[in-house]
Protein backbone atom coordinates (compact mmCIF):
# COMPACT_ATOMS: atom_id res chain seq x y z
CA ARG A 1 17.12 16.73 -80.86
CA LYS A 2 17.98 13.37 -80.04
CA ILE A 3 18.90 10.40 -82.29
CA LYS A 4 17.42 6.95 -81.73
CA ASN A 5 20.42 5.00 -83.06
CA VAL A 6 24.26 5.62 -83.57
CA LEU A 7 25.71 4.03 -86.36
CA SER A 8 29.16 2.62 -86.30
CA ASP A 9 30.83 3.07 -89.70
CA LEU A 10 34.23 1.56 -89.18
CA ASN A 11 35.24 1.18 -92.90
CA LYS A 12 32.46 -1.29 -93.59
CA PRO A 13 33.98 -4.34 -95.10
CA ASP A 14 33.16 -5.00 -99.03
CA THR A 15 33.04 -8.97 -98.24
CA ARG A 16 31.81 -11.13 -95.63
CA GLN A 17 35.32 -12.79 -95.44
CA LEU A 18 36.72 -9.40 -94.12
CA GLN A 19 33.99 -9.17 -91.62
CA LEU A 20 34.46 -12.72 -90.08
CA LEU A 21 38.43 -12.15 -90.21
CA HIS A 22 37.47 -8.74 -88.02
CA PHE A 23 35.25 -10.98 -85.73
CA CYS A 24 38.11 -13.65 -85.59
CA LEU A 25 40.71 -11.04 -84.33
CA LEU A 26 38.41 -9.66 -81.88
CA LEU A 27 37.69 -12.80 -80.50
CA GLY A 28 41.18 -13.77 -80.08
CA ILE A 29 42.23 -10.63 -78.62
CA SER A 30 39.17 -10.86 -76.11
CA LEU A 31 39.89 -14.37 -75.21
CA ALA A 32 43.56 -13.72 -74.57
CA ALA A 33 42.58 -10.88 -72.26
CA LEU A 34 39.83 -12.66 -70.37
CA LEU A 35 41.88 -15.71 -69.84
CA GLY A 36 45.04 -13.80 -68.91
CA ASN A 37 43.50 -11.41 -66.73
CA GLY A 38 40.87 -14.17 -65.26
CA LEU A 39 44.16 -16.21 -64.21
CA ILE A 40 45.61 -13.41 -62.35
CA ILE A 41 42.37 -12.56 -60.50
CA SER A 42 42.13 -16.16 -59.31
CA ALA A 43 45.76 -16.69 -58.58
CA VAL A 44 45.67 -13.46 -56.27
CA ALA A 45 42.57 -14.23 -54.55
CA CYS A 46 43.32 -17.73 -54.05
CA GLY A 47 47.16 -17.40 -53.07
CA HIS A 48 47.44 -16.04 -49.32
CA HIS A 49 51.15 -15.38 -49.97
CA LEU A 50 50.25 -13.13 -52.84
CA HIS A 51 48.40 -10.79 -50.68
CA THR A 52 50.94 -7.95 -50.78
CA PRO A 53 50.56 -4.50 -52.22
CA MET A 54 51.80 -5.19 -55.48
CA PHE A 55 49.70 -8.10 -56.25
CA PHE A 56 46.89 -6.23 -54.58
CA PHE A 57 46.92 -3.31 -57.21
CA LEU A 58 47.74 -5.95 -59.71
CA LEU A 59 44.40 -7.67 -58.94
CA ASN A 60 42.60 -4.25 -59.39
CA LEU A 61 44.22 -3.69 -62.69
CA ALA A 62 42.97 -7.08 -64.13
CA LEU A 63 39.58 -6.10 -63.04
CA SER A 64 39.72 -2.67 -64.95
CA ASP A 65 41.18 -4.63 -68.00
CA LEU A 66 38.35 -7.00 -68.12
CA GLY A 67 35.90 -4.51 -67.69
CA SER A 68 37.35 -2.22 -70.38
CA ILE A 69 37.49 -5.23 -72.95
CA CYS A 70 33.92 -6.48 -72.27
CA THR A 71 32.69 -2.88 -72.62
CA THR A 72 33.83 -2.36 -76.28
CA VAL A 73 34.95 -5.79 -77.94
CA PRO A 74 31.73 -7.86 -77.77
CA LYS A 75 29.44 -5.13 -79.36
CA ALA A 76 32.08 -4.77 -82.35
CA MET A 77 32.08 -8.52 -82.74
CA HIS A 78 28.35 -8.71 -82.65
CA ASN A 79 28.58 -5.98 -85.37
CA SER A 80 30.88 -8.22 -87.60
CA LEU A 81 29.21 -11.49 -87.05
CA TRP A 82 25.66 -10.32 -87.82
CA ASP A 83 26.47 -7.42 -90.39
CA THR A 84 24.83 -4.59 -88.28
CA ARG A 85 26.12 -1.25 -87.01
CA ASP A 86 23.28 -0.09 -84.98
CA ILE A 87 23.61 0.92 -81.12
CA SER A 88 20.95 2.63 -79.07
CA TYR A 89 21.48 6.00 -77.91
CA THR A 90 20.96 4.84 -74.38
CA GLY A 91 23.42 1.88 -75.08
CA CYS A 92 26.04 4.43 -76.44
CA ALA A 93 25.78 6.69 -73.51
CA ALA A 94 26.19 3.38 -71.29
CA GLN A 95 28.87 2.33 -73.23
CA LEU A 96 30.83 5.50 -73.26
CA PHE A 97 30.10 5.68 -69.38
CA SER A 98 31.75 2.30 -68.78
CA PHE A 99 34.67 2.68 -71.08
CA MET A 100 35.70 6.24 -69.61
CA PHE A 101 35.26 4.53 -66.13
CA PHE A 102 37.49 1.36 -66.68
CA ILE A 103 40.09 3.31 -69.07
CA SER A 104 40.46 5.92 -66.21
CA THR A 105 40.55 3.48 -63.34
CA GLU A 106 43.39 1.41 -65.42
CA PHE A 107 45.44 4.82 -65.81
CA TYR A 108 44.97 5.72 -62.08
CA LEU A 109 46.19 2.21 -61.16
CA LEU A 110 49.22 2.19 -63.38
CA THR A 111 50.05 5.28 -61.61
CA ILE A 112 49.87 3.81 -58.16
CA MET A 113 51.56 0.77 -59.27
CA CYS A 114 54.52 2.70 -60.44
CA TYR A 115 54.37 4.49 -56.96
CA ASP A 116 54.70 1.20 -55.58
CA ARG A 117 57.70 0.08 -57.51
CA TYR A 118 59.38 3.33 -56.64
CA VAL A 119 59.06 2.85 -53.11
CA SER A 120 60.00 -0.86 -52.67
CA ILE A 121 63.20 -0.13 -54.78
CA CYS A 122 64.20 3.42 -53.54
CA LYS A 123 62.77 3.31 -50.17
CA PRO A 124 62.51 -0.23 -49.28
CA LEU A 125 62.70 0.85 -45.23
CA HIS A 126 59.46 2.87 -45.29
CA TYR A 127 57.62 0.47 -47.66
CA GLY A 128 55.42 -1.06 -44.87
CA THR A 129 54.60 2.50 -43.45
CA LEU A 130 53.73 4.25 -46.94
CA LEU A 131 52.13 1.24 -48.56
CA GLY A 132 50.38 -0.59 -45.35
CA SER A 133 46.90 -2.38 -46.17
CA ARG A 134 44.82 0.48 -45.18
CA ALA A 135 47.09 2.92 -47.47
CA CYS A 136 46.56 0.34 -50.54
CA ALA A 137 42.88 0.26 -49.65
CA HIS A 138 42.44 3.79 -49.67
CA MET A 139 44.47 4.39 -53.07
CA ALA A 140 42.69 1.63 -54.74
CA ALA A 141 39.18 3.17 -53.54
CA ALA A 142 40.23 6.54 -54.59
CA ALA A 143 41.30 5.27 -58.18
CA TRP A 144 37.84 3.84 -58.75
CA ALA A 145 36.04 6.73 -57.14
CA SER A 146 37.83 9.16 -59.20
CA ALA A 147 37.37 7.51 -62.46
CA PHE A 148 33.62 7.00 -61.60
CA LEU A 149 33.24 10.81 -61.19
CA ASN A 150 35.31 11.37 -64.23
CA ALA A 151 33.26 9.11 -66.44
CA LEU A 152 29.85 10.45 -65.27
CA MET A 153 31.00 14.25 -65.55
CA HIS A 154 32.10 13.43 -69.28
CA THR A 155 28.92 11.33 -69.95
CA ALA A 156 26.65 13.65 -68.54
CA ASN A 157 28.12 16.47 -70.66
CA THR A 158 28.41 14.82 -73.97
CA PHE A 159 24.92 13.40 -74.04
CA SER A 160 23.51 16.73 -73.18
CA LEU A 161 24.61 18.20 -76.47
CA PRO A 162 22.10 18.02 -79.29
CA LEU A 163 23.06 15.80 -81.89
CA CYS A 164 22.12 17.26 -85.54
CA HIS A 165 24.86 16.24 -87.93
CA GLY A 166 23.55 12.76 -88.69
CA ASN A 167 24.09 9.54 -86.58
CA ALA A 168 26.86 7.78 -88.15
CA LEU A 169 30.20 7.43 -85.91
CA GLY A 170 33.39 6.48 -87.55
CA GLN A 171 34.32 4.12 -84.82
CA PHE A 172 33.84 0.76 -83.60
CA PHE A 173 32.77 2.14 -80.19
CA CYS A 174 31.20 5.26 -78.63
CA GLU A 175 33.83 7.66 -78.16
CA ILE A 176 33.66 11.30 -77.33
CA PRO A 177 35.48 12.87 -80.05
CA GLN A 178 33.30 10.99 -82.59
CA ILE A 179 30.15 11.99 -80.64
CA LEU A 180 31.24 15.62 -80.56
CA LYS A 181 31.48 15.58 -84.49
CA LEU A 182 27.75 15.14 -84.65
CA SER A 183 26.85 18.12 -82.29
CA CYS A 184 25.58 21.23 -83.77
CA SER A 185 25.88 23.19 -80.38
CA ASN A 186 28.59 25.50 -79.46
CA SER A 187 28.26 24.06 -75.94
CA HIS A 188 30.53 21.03 -77.18
CA LEU A 189 33.32 23.52 -76.34
CA THR A 190 32.55 22.73 -72.70
CA GLU A 191 33.50 19.20 -73.19
CA LEU A 192 36.40 19.84 -75.39
CA TRP A 193 37.85 21.92 -72.41
CA LEU A 194 36.94 18.97 -70.22
CA LEU A 195 39.24 16.81 -72.44
CA VAL A 196 41.88 19.11 -72.33
CA VAL A 197 41.74 19.13 -68.64
CA THR A 198 41.63 15.41 -68.39
CA GLY A 199 44.42 15.22 -70.98
CA ILE A 200 46.51 17.69 -68.73
CA PHE A 201 46.02 15.50 -65.80
CA SER A 202 47.01 12.41 -67.57
CA LEU A 203 50.04 14.09 -68.96
CA CYS A 204 51.18 15.12 -65.41
CA GLY A 205 50.44 11.36 -64.22
CA PHE A 206 52.76 10.33 -66.88
CA VAL A 207 55.42 12.55 -66.26
CA PHE A 208 55.15 11.44 -62.58
CA ILE A 209 55.56 8.02 -63.84
CA VAL A 210 58.83 8.80 -65.89
CA PHE A 211 60.12 10.78 -63.20
CA SER A 212 59.67 7.73 -60.85
CA TYR A 213 61.10 5.30 -63.17
CA VAL A 214 64.01 7.61 -63.65
CA GLN A 215 64.64 7.47 -59.94
CA ILE A 216 64.03 3.46 -60.07
CA PHE A 217 66.68 3.23 -62.80
CA ARG A 218 69.23 5.17 -61.13
CA ALA A 219 68.69 2.82 -57.97
CA VAL A 220 68.96 -0.22 -60.02
CA LEU A 221 72.25 0.92 -61.73
CA ARG A 222 73.75 0.95 -58.39
CA ILE A 223 72.96 -2.75 -57.87
CA PRO A 224 76.39 -4.52 -58.01
CA SER A 225 74.86 -7.99 -59.39
CA GLU A 226 74.42 -7.79 -63.20
CA GLN A 227 71.79 -10.12 -63.04
CA GLY A 228 69.90 -8.24 -60.49
CA ARG A 229 70.13 -5.36 -62.70
CA HIS A 230 69.07 -7.35 -65.66
CA LYS A 231 65.96 -8.77 -63.80
CA ALA A 232 65.02 -4.96 -62.72
CA PHE A 233 65.15 -3.86 -66.02
CA SER A 234 63.51 -6.68 -67.64
CA THR A 235 60.51 -6.07 -65.15
CA CYS A 236 60.38 -2.21 -65.46
CA LEU A 237 60.74 -1.48 -69.26
CA PRO A 238 58.06 -3.66 -70.62
CA HIS A 239 55.71 -2.00 -67.91
CA LEU A 240 56.87 1.68 -69.04
CA ALA A 241 56.45 0.89 -72.92
CA VAL A 242 53.08 -0.36 -72.23
CA VAL A 243 52.11 2.87 -69.88
CA SER A 244 53.79 4.97 -72.79
CA LEU A 245 51.67 3.29 -75.65
CA PHE A 246 48.48 3.52 -73.51
CA VAL A 247 49.02 7.18 -72.39
CA SER A 248 50.32 8.57 -75.53
CA THR A 249 47.86 7.01 -77.74
CA GLY A 250 44.94 7.79 -75.34
CA ILE A 251 45.93 11.45 -75.26
CA PHE A 252 46.22 11.97 -78.91
CA ALA A 253 43.13 10.19 -79.74
CA GLN A 254 41.06 12.38 -77.52
CA LEU A 255 42.99 15.86 -78.35
CA LYS A 256 44.33 15.45 -81.87
CA PRO A 257 42.89 18.38 -84.41
CA PRO A 258 40.15 17.56 -86.67
CA SER A 259 42.39 18.16 -89.63
CA MET A 260 44.66 15.07 -88.68
CA SER A 261 41.48 12.78 -88.19
CA SER A 262 41.09 9.79 -90.57
CA PRO A 263 38.96 6.61 -90.08
CA SER A 264 42.05 4.44 -90.47
CA LEU A 265 44.23 6.77 -88.11
CA ASP A 266 41.10 6.92 -85.35
CA LEU A 267 40.66 3.11 -85.66
CA ALA A 268 44.42 2.37 -85.10
CA LEU A 269 44.78 5.09 -82.24
CA SER A 270 41.49 3.41 -80.41
CA VAL A 271 42.74 -0.04 -80.84
CA LEU A 272 46.01 0.97 -79.34
CA TYR A 273 44.81 2.41 -76.06
CA SER A 274 41.20 0.48 -75.59
CA VAL A 275 42.19 -3.13 -76.67
CA VAL A 276 45.84 -3.71 -76.93
CA PRO A 277 46.80 -2.95 -73.10
CA PRO A 278 44.32 -5.14 -71.34
CA ALA A 279 45.39 -7.90 -73.63
CA LEU A 280 49.23 -7.38 -72.80
CA ASN A 281 49.09 -6.30 -69.17
CA PRO A 282 48.56 -10.12 -68.00
CA LEU A 283 51.73 -11.00 -69.91
CA ILE A 284 53.92 -8.18 -68.90
CA TYR A 285 52.90 -8.37 -65.20
CA SER A 286 52.98 -12.41 -65.08
CA LEU A 287 55.95 -13.70 -67.53
CA ARG A 288 58.64 -11.92 -65.46
CA ASN A 289 57.04 -12.76 -61.93
CA GLN A 290 57.97 -16.13 -60.72
CA GLU A 291 55.69 -15.90 -57.81
CA LEU A 292 52.72 -15.18 -59.90
CA LYS A 293 53.58 -17.72 -62.58
CA ALA A 294 54.12 -20.30 -59.57
CA ALA A 295 50.49 -19.44 -58.24
CA VAL A 296 49.02 -19.61 -61.78
CA ARG A 297 50.80 -23.05 -62.45
CA ARG A 298 49.24 -24.43 -59.08
CA LEU A 299 45.89 -22.96 -59.47
CA MET A 300 45.82 -24.66 -63.17
CA THR A 301 47.14 -27.91 -61.76
CA GLY A 302 44.54 -27.97 -58.90
CA CYS A 303 41.92 -27.48 -61.47
CA PHE A 304 42.85 -30.48 -63.79
CA HIS A 305 43.32 -32.58 -60.71
CA LYS A 306 39.64 -31.90 -59.67
CA HIS A 307 38.57 -32.89 -63.09
């Protein structure tokens, strides 16, 4: 039995003022993410001196961040502004697929970018060989293709389940654990196992990232210049912090036991892994990078001169 609409319940505000505050907060976050990621994409695409592996992967990350934000936030803003909670069954499936696609791509790209940093700092003589233009293109294509297959598998499996426990989702977007709560079939165990397997792979990727950073920090500590060490740490630590936040909250949100579930906890976890990283990534990757800041400055100056 299928449902026509999925209701997103998200702690429905008692007053119109709270709804408008919710709308304004989401609007501010989405504008920051759109502006930051849009500037990175434009600067890297237009700046020929930025056509290097690091900036190529950063361009892909900005694209995935834009996709992730545009998948969940506009609908939540619409719900708050127009005081509605409905999303069609087809729209919910499309939102789930798109979200899984972009969020998986982001994780794969973050892992690849960590490998890029590891090679550039720990194996600089092999950088041109290990991260040539063809290798970078293959890695980026593999990230997008793997994310597509992962999203397709989860979406097809989740929406093949009969939903008979109402049509109210306790979340501001269509998320797998929330949809599984509506299922009355034992076959939802298959999707739970898929989530566990995905979580294990994500954890393995995170362990790889941590191991790589241990090697990076060991190499950085051998840098004789204190200024050089400070620059390396100030660049790597924020990236590691955002990756840790993204992976830990994402895995916990998907795999936490039902007994720990509550509307406020579910909301906080979902915001931390779905909304915060796309808004923070442009700041983390641009503020400490002089080349990118200069490219963005030239881009904005050129736009102002044209007008």
